[in-house]
């Protein structure tokens, strides 16, 4: 039975799952969420009432959250690229870095973007300033981690890199990764060159005008 992915190509968390699917050439059916297709949105909401994507459907099983989807794929639809090490200690490092990107790169980045969508009177200047500070702090910590590393949790591309790719991509659009973080900049470039993520980026290009802060003319 064909896997179904309810997702949008411009979403960072959807791209995280897509990178895993593309790394292994895993066949799936796109269920592209669009306001032009309210029936599909209703179908999606029935599967997951919190309406957060991506959502993977495998037969009668519904799998939520990008990190869990990637682990699920490794267990039930494995391919040639293992994104989570078999050794539990190495797997713990991958999961730790995965949480870092979710909590300290993606969360503050999305705080800044979401705030820009609010009416002027409802904006949270202090919250945005705190989010920018968190990003700078996270960039600084990551820059030290990436000394001598090609990928973020070891020698192999992993689950953590699947999330790092879209999160650093949009973080740099939102709060530029400065020249004082050369290892982060270089890592981001390696991620952009990875064929699985390059494919996700290209599929999202038509939606760049939707980026609330204005998509830069790069990447």
C-alpha atoms as a PDB file:
ATOM      1  CA  UNK A   1       0.000   0.000   0.000  1.00  0.00           C
ATOM      2  CA  UNK A   2       1.339   3.432  -0.974  1.00  0.00           C
ATOM      3  CA  UNK A   3       2.436   5.816   1.742  1.00  0.00           C
ATOM      4  CA  UNK A   4       0.566   9.124   1.770  1.00  0.00           C
ATOM      5  CA  UNK A   5       2.186  12.343   2.976  1.00  0.00           C
ATOM      6  CA  UNK A   6      -0.061  15.256   3.913  1.00  0.00           C
ATOM      7  CA  UNK A   7       2.266  18.195   3.578  1.00  0.00           C
ATOM      8  CA  UNK A   8       3.148  21.475   1.896  1.00  0.00           C
ATOM      9  CA  UNK A   9       6.484  21.849   0.088  1.00  0.00           C
ATOM     10  CA  UNK A  10       7.236  25.289   1.598  1.00  0.00           C
ATOM     11  CA  UNK A  11       6.921  24.069   5.200  1.00  0.00           C
ATOM     12  CA  UNK A  12      10.220  23.482   7.004  1.00  0.00           C
ATOM     13  CA  UNK A  13       8.880  20.524   8.977  1.00  0.00           C
ATOM     14  CA  UNK A  14       7.473  18.986   5.812  1.00  0.00           C
ATOM     15  CA  UNK A  15      10.835  19.438   4.130  1.00  0.00           C
ATOM     16  CA  UNK A  16      12.433  17.636   7.062  1.00  0.00           C
ATOM     17  CA  UNK A  17      10.325  14.550   6.330  1.00  0.00           C
ATOM     18  CA  UNK A  18      10.770  14.941   2.570  1.00  0.00           C
ATOM     19  CA  UNK A  19      14.556  14.880   2.897  1.00  0.00           C
ATOM     20  CA  UNK A  20      14.293  11.488   4.592  1.00  0.00           C
ATOM     21  CA  UNK A  21      11.965  10.171   1.904  1.00  0.00           C
ATOM     22  CA  UNK A  22      14.201  11.458  -0.884  1.00  0.00           C
ATOM     23  CA  UNK A  23      17.395  10.135   0.733  1.00  0.00           C
ATOM     24  CA  UNK A  24      16.068   6.611   0.326  1.00  0.00           C
ATOM     25  CA  UNK A  25      13.941   7.052  -2.769  1.00  0.00           C
ATOM     26  CA  UNK A  26      10.924   5.929  -0.768  1.00  0.00           C
ATOM     27  CA  UNK A  27       7.792   6.010  -2.933  1.00  0.00           C
ATOM     28  CA  UNK A  28       4.870   7.983  -1.558  1.00  0.00           C
ATOM     29  CA  UNK A  29       1.759   9.822  -2.666  1.00  0.00           C
ATOM     30  CA  UNK A  30       1.757  13.590  -2.246  1.00  0.00           C
ATOM     31  CA  UNK A  31      -1.328  14.908  -0.484  1.00  0.00           C
ATOM     32  CA  UNK A  32      -0.499  18.557  -1.069  1.00  0.00           C
ATOM     33  CA  UNK A  33      -2.408  20.721   1.371  1.00  0.00           C
ATOM     34  CA  UNK A  34      -3.840  23.792  -0.304  1.00  0.00           C
ATOM     35  CA  UNK A  35      -6.650  26.223   0.383  1.00  0.00           C
ATOM     36  CA  UNK A  36      -7.778  25.468  -3.152  1.00  0.00           C
ATOM     37  CA  UNK A  37      -8.692  21.972  -1.992  1.00  0.00           C
ATOM     38  CA  UNK A  38     -10.880  22.276   1.134  1.00  0.00           C
ATOM     39  CA  UNK A  39     -11.922  18.639   0.880  1.00  0.00           C
ATOM     40  CA  UNK A  40      -8.304  17.541   1.328  1.00  0.00           C
ATOM     41  CA  UNK A  41      -7.996  19.834   4.360  1.00  0.00           C
ATOM     42  CA  UNK A  42     -11.064  18.193   5.882  1.00  0.00           C
ATOM     43  CA  UNK A  43      -9.541  14.775   5.253  1.00  0.00           C
ATOM     44  CA  UNK A  44      -6.308  15.941   6.897  1.00  0.00           C
ATOM     45  CA  UNK A  45      -8.111  17.426   9.924  1.00  0.00           C
ATOM     46  CA  UNK A  46      -9.998  14.174  10.442  1.00  0.00           C
ATOM     47  CA  UNK A  47      -6.673  12.346  10.616  1.00  0.00           C
ATOM     48  CA  UNK A  48      -5.040  14.854  12.967  1.00  0.00           C
ATOM     49  CA  UNK A  49      -7.362  17.413  14.582  1.00  0.00           C
ATOM     50  CA  UNK A  50      -4.420  19.600  15.707  1.00  0.00           C
ATOM     51  CA  UNK A  51      -3.829  20.274  11.999  1.00  0.00           C
ATOM     52  CA  UNK A  52      -0.037  20.315  12.152  1.00  0.00           C
ATOM     53  CA  UNK A  53       1.810  18.871   9.223  1.00  0.00           C
ATOM     54  CA  UNK A  54       3.417  16.718   7.974  1.00  0.00           C
ATOM     55  CA  UNK A  55       1.278  13.657   8.589  1.00  0.00           C
ATOM     56  CA  UNK A  56       2.150  10.276   7.125  1.00  0.00           C
ATOM     57  CA  UNK A  57      -0.478   7.630   6.484  1.00  0.00           C
ATOM     58  CA  UNK A  58       0.585   4.021   6.060  1.00  0.00           C
ATOM     59  CA  UNK A  59      -2.456   1.858   5.548  1.00  0.00           C
ATOM     60  CA  UNK A  60      -4.576   2.261   8.678  1.00  0.00           C
ATOM     61  CA  UNK A  61      -1.755   3.886  10.671  1.00  0.00           C
ATOM     62  CA  UNK A  62      -1.387   7.654  11.017  1.00  0.00           C
ATOM     63  CA  UNK A  63       2.060   8.942  11.977  1.00  0.00           C
ATOM     64  CA  UNK A  64       2.546  12.511  13.227  1.00  0.00           C
ATOM     65  CA  UNK A  65       5.606  14.738  13.856  1.00  0.00           C
ATOM     66  CA  UNK A  66       8.489  14.892  11.389  1.00  0.00           C
ATOM     67  CA  UNK A  67      11.086  13.259  13.660  1.00  0.00           C
ATOM     68  CA  UNK A  68       8.751  10.364  14.440  1.00  0.00           C
ATOM     69  CA  UNK A  69       7.889   9.993  10.753  1.00  0.00           C
ATOM     70  CA  UNK A  70      11.594   9.654   9.932  1.00  0.00           C
ATOM     71  CA  UNK A  71      12.127   7.022  12.620  1.00  0.00           C
ATOM     72  CA  UNK A  72       8.971   5.224  11.479  1.00  0.00           C
ATOM     73  CA  UNK A  73      10.252   5.107   7.911  1.00  0.00           C
ATOM     74  CA  UNK A  74      13.519   3.607   9.130  1.00  0.00           C
ATOM     75  CA  UNK A  75      11.662   0.870  10.988  1.00  0.00           C
ATOM     76  CA  UNK A  76       8.893   0.021   8.526  1.00  0.00           C
ATOM     77  CA  UNK A  77      10.198   1.220   5.142  1.00  0.00           C
ATOM     78  CA  UNK A  78      13.997   1.082   5.427  1.00  0.00           C
ATOM     79  CA  UNK A  79      16.190   2.043   2.512  1.00  0.00           C
ATOM     80  CA  UNK A  80      19.915   2.089   1.785  1.00  0.00           C
ATOM     81  CA  UNK A  81      20.516   5.204   3.909  1.00  0.00           C
ATOM     82  CA  UNK A  82      20.133   4.641   7.644  1.00  0.00           C
ATOM     83  CA  UNK A  83      19.257   7.971   9.249  1.00  0.00           C
ATOM     84  CA  UNK A  84      19.447   6.721  12.834  1.00  0.00           C
ATOM     85  CA  UNK A  85      22.485   4.711  13.970  1.00  0.00           C
ATOM     86  CA  UNK A  86      21.941   1.201  15.292  1.00  0.00           C
ATOM     87  CA  UNK A  87      24.255   1.910  18.215  1.00  0.00           C
ATOM     88  CA  UNK A  88      22.082   3.442  20.957  1.00  0.00           C
ATOM     89  CA  UNK A  89      24.807   5.847  22.101  1.00  0.00           C
ATOM     90  CA  UNK A  90      25.283   7.234  18.604  1.00  0.00           C
ATOM     91  CA  UNK A  91      21.491   7.348  18.167  1.00  0.00           C
ATOM     92  CA  UNK A  92      21.222   9.410  21.353  1.00  0.00           C
ATOM     93  CA  UNK A  93      23.615  11.990  19.888  1.00  0.00           C
ATOM     94  CA  UNK A  94      21.494  12.177  16.715  1.00  0.00           C
ATOM     95  CA  UNK A  95      18.285  12.637  18.715  1.00  0.00           C
ATOM     96  CA  UNK A  96      19.946  15.264  20.909  1.00  0.00           C
ATOM     97  CA  UNK A  97      20.997  17.324  17.898  1.00  0.00           C
ATOM     98  CA  UNK A  98      17.564  16.843  16.358  1.00  0.00           C
ATOM     99  CA  UNK A  99      15.995  18.406  19.461  1.00  0.00           C
ATOM    100  CA  UNK A 100      18.515  21.256  19.307  1.00  0.00           C
ATOM    101  CA  UNK A 101      17.408  22.219  15.809  1.00  0.00           C
ATOM    102  CA  UNK A 102      13.719  21.894  16.643  1.00  0.00           C
ATOM    103  CA  UNK A 103      13.871  23.890  19.863  1.00  0.00           C
ATOM    104  CA  UNK A 104      16.654  26.426  19.390  1.00  0.00           C
ATOM    105  CA  UNK A 105      16.706  27.094  15.644  1.00  0.00           C
ATOM    106  CA  UNK A 106      13.201  26.386  14.322  1.00  0.00           C
ATOM    107  CA  UNK A 107      11.186  27.616  17.324  1.00  0.00           C
ATOM    108  CA  UNK A 108      12.750  31.108  17.570  1.00  0.00           C
ATOM    109  CA  UNK A 109      12.787  31.441  13.777  1.00  0.00           C
ATOM    110  CA  UNK A 110       9.075  30.706  13.604  1.00  0.00           C
ATOM    111  CA  UNK A 111       8.422  33.108  16.495  1.00  0.00           C
ATOM    112  CA  UNK A 112       9.899  35.967  14.443  1.00  0.00           C
ATOM    113  CA  UNK A 113       7.957  35.046  11.312  1.00  0.00           C
ATOM    114  CA  UNK A 114       4.663  34.540  13.160  1.00  0.00           C
ATOM    115  CA  UNK A 115       5.025  37.887  14.914  1.00  0.00           C
ATOM    116  CA  UNK A 116       5.357  39.650  11.565  1.00  0.00           C
ATOM    117  CA  UNK A 117       1.906  38.351  10.614  1.00  0.00           C
ATOM    118  CA  UNK A 118       0.192  39.964  13.605  1.00  0.00           C
ATOM    119  CA  UNK A 119      -1.475  43.370  13.504  1.00  0.00           C
ATOM    120  CA  UNK A 120       0.968  46.062  14.612  1.00  0.00           C
ATOM    121  CA  UNK A 121      -0.803  46.571  17.942  1.00  0.00           C
ATOM    122  CA  UNK A 122      -0.482  42.874  18.830  1.00  0.00           C
ATOM    123  CA  UNK A 123       3.199  42.404  18.067  1.00  0.00           C
ATOM    124  CA  UNK A 124       5.617  41.198  20.705  1.00  0.00           C
ATOM    125  CA  UNK A 125       8.811  43.223  20.330  1.00  0.00           C
ATOM    126  CA  UNK A 126      10.395  41.728  23.435  1.00  0.00           C
ATOM    127  CA  UNK A 127       9.583  38.198  22.316  1.00  0.00           C
ATOM    128  CA  UNK A 128      11.117  38.830  18.891  1.00  0.00           C
ATOM    129  CA  UNK A 129      14.262  40.313  20.453  1.00  0.00           C
ATOM    130  CA  UNK A 130      14.559  37.257  22.704  1.00  0.00           C
ATOM    131  CA  UNK A 131      14.112  34.963  19.681  1.00  0.00           C
ATOM    132  CA  UNK A 132      16.879  36.748  17.778  1.00  0.00           C
ATOM    133  CA  UNK A 133      19.172  36.473  20.785  1.00  0.00           C
ATOM    134  CA  UNK A 134      18.411  32.761  21.046  1.00  0.00           C
ATOM    135  CA  UNK A 135      19.283  32.290  17.375  1.00  0.00           C
ATOM    136  CA  UNK A 136      22.600  34.092  17.769  1.00  0.00           C
ATOM    137  CA  UNK A 137      23.379  32.016  20.849  1.00  0.00           C
ATOM    138  CA  UNK A 138      22.437  28.808  19.020  1.00  0.00           C
ATOM    139  CA  UNK A 139      24.551  29.788  15.993  1.00  0.00           C
ATOM    140  CA  UNK A 140      27.528  30.364  18.285  1.00  0.00           C
ATOM    141  CA  UNK A 141      27.140  27.013  20.033  1.00  0.00           C
ATOM    142  CA  UNK A 142      26.647  25.172  16.740  1.00  0.00           C
ATOM    143  CA  UNK A 143      29.687  26.847  15.201  1.00  0.00           C
ATOM    144  CA  UNK A 144      31.864  25.220  17.865  1.00  0.00           C
ATOM    145  CA  UNK A 145      30.140  21.832  17.452  1.00  0.00           C
ATOM    146  CA  UNK A 146      30.799  21.849  13.703  1.00  0.00           C
ATOM    147  CA  UNK A 147      34.575  22.260  13.996  1.00  0.00           C
ATOM    148  CA  UNK A 148      36.012  19.316  12.081  1.00  0.00           C
ATOM    149  CA  UNK A 149      32.581  17.809  11.352  1.00  0.00           C
ATOM    150  CA  UNK A 150      30.944  17.274   7.984  1.00  0.00           C
ATOM    151  CA  UNK A 151      27.548  16.346   9.415  1.00  0.00           C
ATOM    152  CA  UNK A 152      26.137  17.435  12.723  1.00  0.00           C
ATOM    153  CA  UNK A 153      26.087  14.162  14.661  1.00  0.00           C
ATOM    154  CA  UNK A 154      29.046  12.314  13.212  1.00  0.00           C
ATOM    155  CA  UNK A 155      30.453  11.143   9.901  1.00  0.00           C
ATOM    156  CA  UNK A 156      27.110  10.146   8.364  1.00  0.00           C
ATOM    157  CA  UNK A 157      24.106  12.162   7.232  1.00  0.00           C
ATOM    158  CA  UNK A 158      21.361  11.511   9.782  1.00  0.00           C
ATOM    159  CA  UNK A 159      17.934  12.395  11.117  1.00  0.00           C
ATOM    160  CA  UNK A 160      19.488  15.470  12.740  1.00  0.00           C
ATOM    161  CA  UNK A 161      20.717  16.747   9.366  1.00  0.00           C
ATOM    162  CA  UNK A 162      17.242  16.219   7.882  1.00  0.00           C
ATOM    163  CA  UNK A 163      15.959  18.849  10.311  1.00  0.00           C
ATOM    164  CA  UNK A 164      19.028  21.070  10.224  1.00  0.00           C
ATOM    165  CA  UNK A 165      18.667  21.566   6.477  1.00  0.00           C
ATOM    166  CA  UNK A 166      15.304  23.388   6.333  1.00  0.00           C
ATOM    167  CA  UNK A 167      15.656  24.996   9.767  1.00  0.00           C
ATOM    168  CA  UNK A 168      19.002  26.645   9.000  1.00  0.00           C
ATOM    169  CA  UNK A 169      17.737  27.485   5.522  1.00  0.00           C
ATOM    170  CA  UNK A 170      14.837  29.557   6.841  1.00  0.00           C
ATOM    171  CA  UNK A 171      16.703  30.788   9.923  1.00  0.00           C
ATOM    172  CA  UNK A 172      19.251  32.479   7.679  1.00  0.00           C
ATOM    173  CA  UNK A 173      16.412  34.161   5.777  1.00  0.00           C
ATOM    174  CA  UNK A 174      14.912  35.347   9.060  1.00  0.00           C
ATOM    175  CA  UNK A 175      17.991  36.249  11.124  1.00  0.00           C
ATOM    176  CA  UNK A 176      21.141  36.127   9.014  1.00  0.00           C
ATOM    177  CA  UNK A 177      23.900  33.758  10.053  1.00  0.00           C
ATOM    178  CA  UNK A 178      26.750  36.229  10.410  1.00  0.00           C
ATOM    179  CA  UNK A 179      30.369  35.860   9.255  1.00  0.00           C
ATOM    180  CA  UNK A 180      31.450  35.179  12.829  1.00  0.00           C
ATOM    181  CA  UNK A 181      29.867  31.718  12.419  1.00  0.00           C
ATOM    182  CA  UNK A 182      31.845  30.324   9.443  1.00  0.00           C
ATOM    183  CA  UNK A 183      31.340  26.673  10.359  1.00  0.00           C
ATOM    184  CA  UNK A 184      27.553  27.102  10.433  1.00  0.00           C
ATOM    185  CA  UNK A 185      27.625  28.895   7.080  1.00  0.00           C
ATOM    186  CA  UNK A 186      29.721  26.118   5.553  1.00  0.00           C
ATOM    187  CA  UNK A 187      27.453  23.444   7.024  1.00  0.00           C
ATOM    188  CA  UNK A 188      24.383  25.180   5.622  1.00  0.00           C
ATOM    189  CA  UNK A 189      26.023  25.192   2.191  1.00  0.00           C
ATOM    190  CA  UNK A 190      26.747  21.456   2.414  1.00  0.00           C
ATOM    191  CA  UNK A 191      23.114  20.849   3.301  1.00  0.00           C
ATOM    192  CA  UNK A 192      21.955  22.907   0.317  1.00  0.00           C
ATOM    193  CA  UNK A 193      24.197  20.816  -1.921  1.00  0.00           C
ATOM    194  CA  UNK A 194      22.769  17.528  -0.633  1.00  0.00           C
ATOM    195  CA  UNK A 195      20.579  16.200  -3.503  1.00  0.00           C
ATOM    196  CA  UNK A 196      17.673  15.274  -1.217  1.00  0.00           C
ATOM    197  CA  UNK A 197      17.440  18.762   0.259  1.00  0.00           C
ATOM    198  CA  UNK A 198      18.203  20.486  -3.043  1.00  0.00           C
ATOM    199  CA  UNK A 199      15.160  18.702  -4.443  1.00  0.00           C
ATOM    200  CA  UNK A 200      12.983  19.911  -1.553  1.00  0.00           C
ATOM    201  CA  UNK A 201      14.236  23.476  -2.013  1.00  0.00           C
ATOM    202  CA  UNK A 202      13.502  23.400  -5.738  1.00  0.00           C
ATOM    203  CA  UNK A 203       9.985  22.048  -5.187  1.00  0.00           C
ATOM    204  CA  UNK A 204       9.310  24.949  -2.811  1.00  0.00           C
ATOM    205  CA  UNK A 205      10.567  27.713  -5.125  1.00  0.00           C
ATOM    206  CA  UNK A 206       7.131  28.591  -6.556  1.00  0.00           C
ATOM    207  CA  UNK A 207       5.938  29.442  -3.040  1.00  0.00           C
ATOM    208  CA  UNK A 208       8.729  31.864  -2.098  1.00  0.00           C
ATOM    209  CA  UNK A 209       6.486  34.935  -2.490  1.00  0.00           C
ATOM    210  CA  UNK A 210       4.534  33.585   0.512  1.00  0.00           C
ATOM    211  CA  UNK A 211       7.450  34.099   2.917  1.00  0.00           C
ATOM    212  CA  UNK A 212       6.160  36.851   5.246  1.00  0.00           C
ATOM    213  CA  UNK A 213       9.519  38.617   5.665  1.00  0.00           C
ATOM    214  CA  UNK A 214      10.283  38.536   1.951  1.00  0.00           C
ATOM    215  CA  UNK A 215      12.396  35.768   0.476  1.00  0.00           C
ATOM    216  CA  UNK A 216      15.954  36.897  -0.343  1.00  0.00           C
ATOM    217  CA  UNK A 217      17.239  36.613  -3.896  1.00  0.00           C
ATOM    218  CA  UNK A 218      19.628  33.781  -3.053  1.00  0.00           C
ATOM    219  CA  UNK A 219      19.697  30.062  -2.284  1.00  0.00           C
END
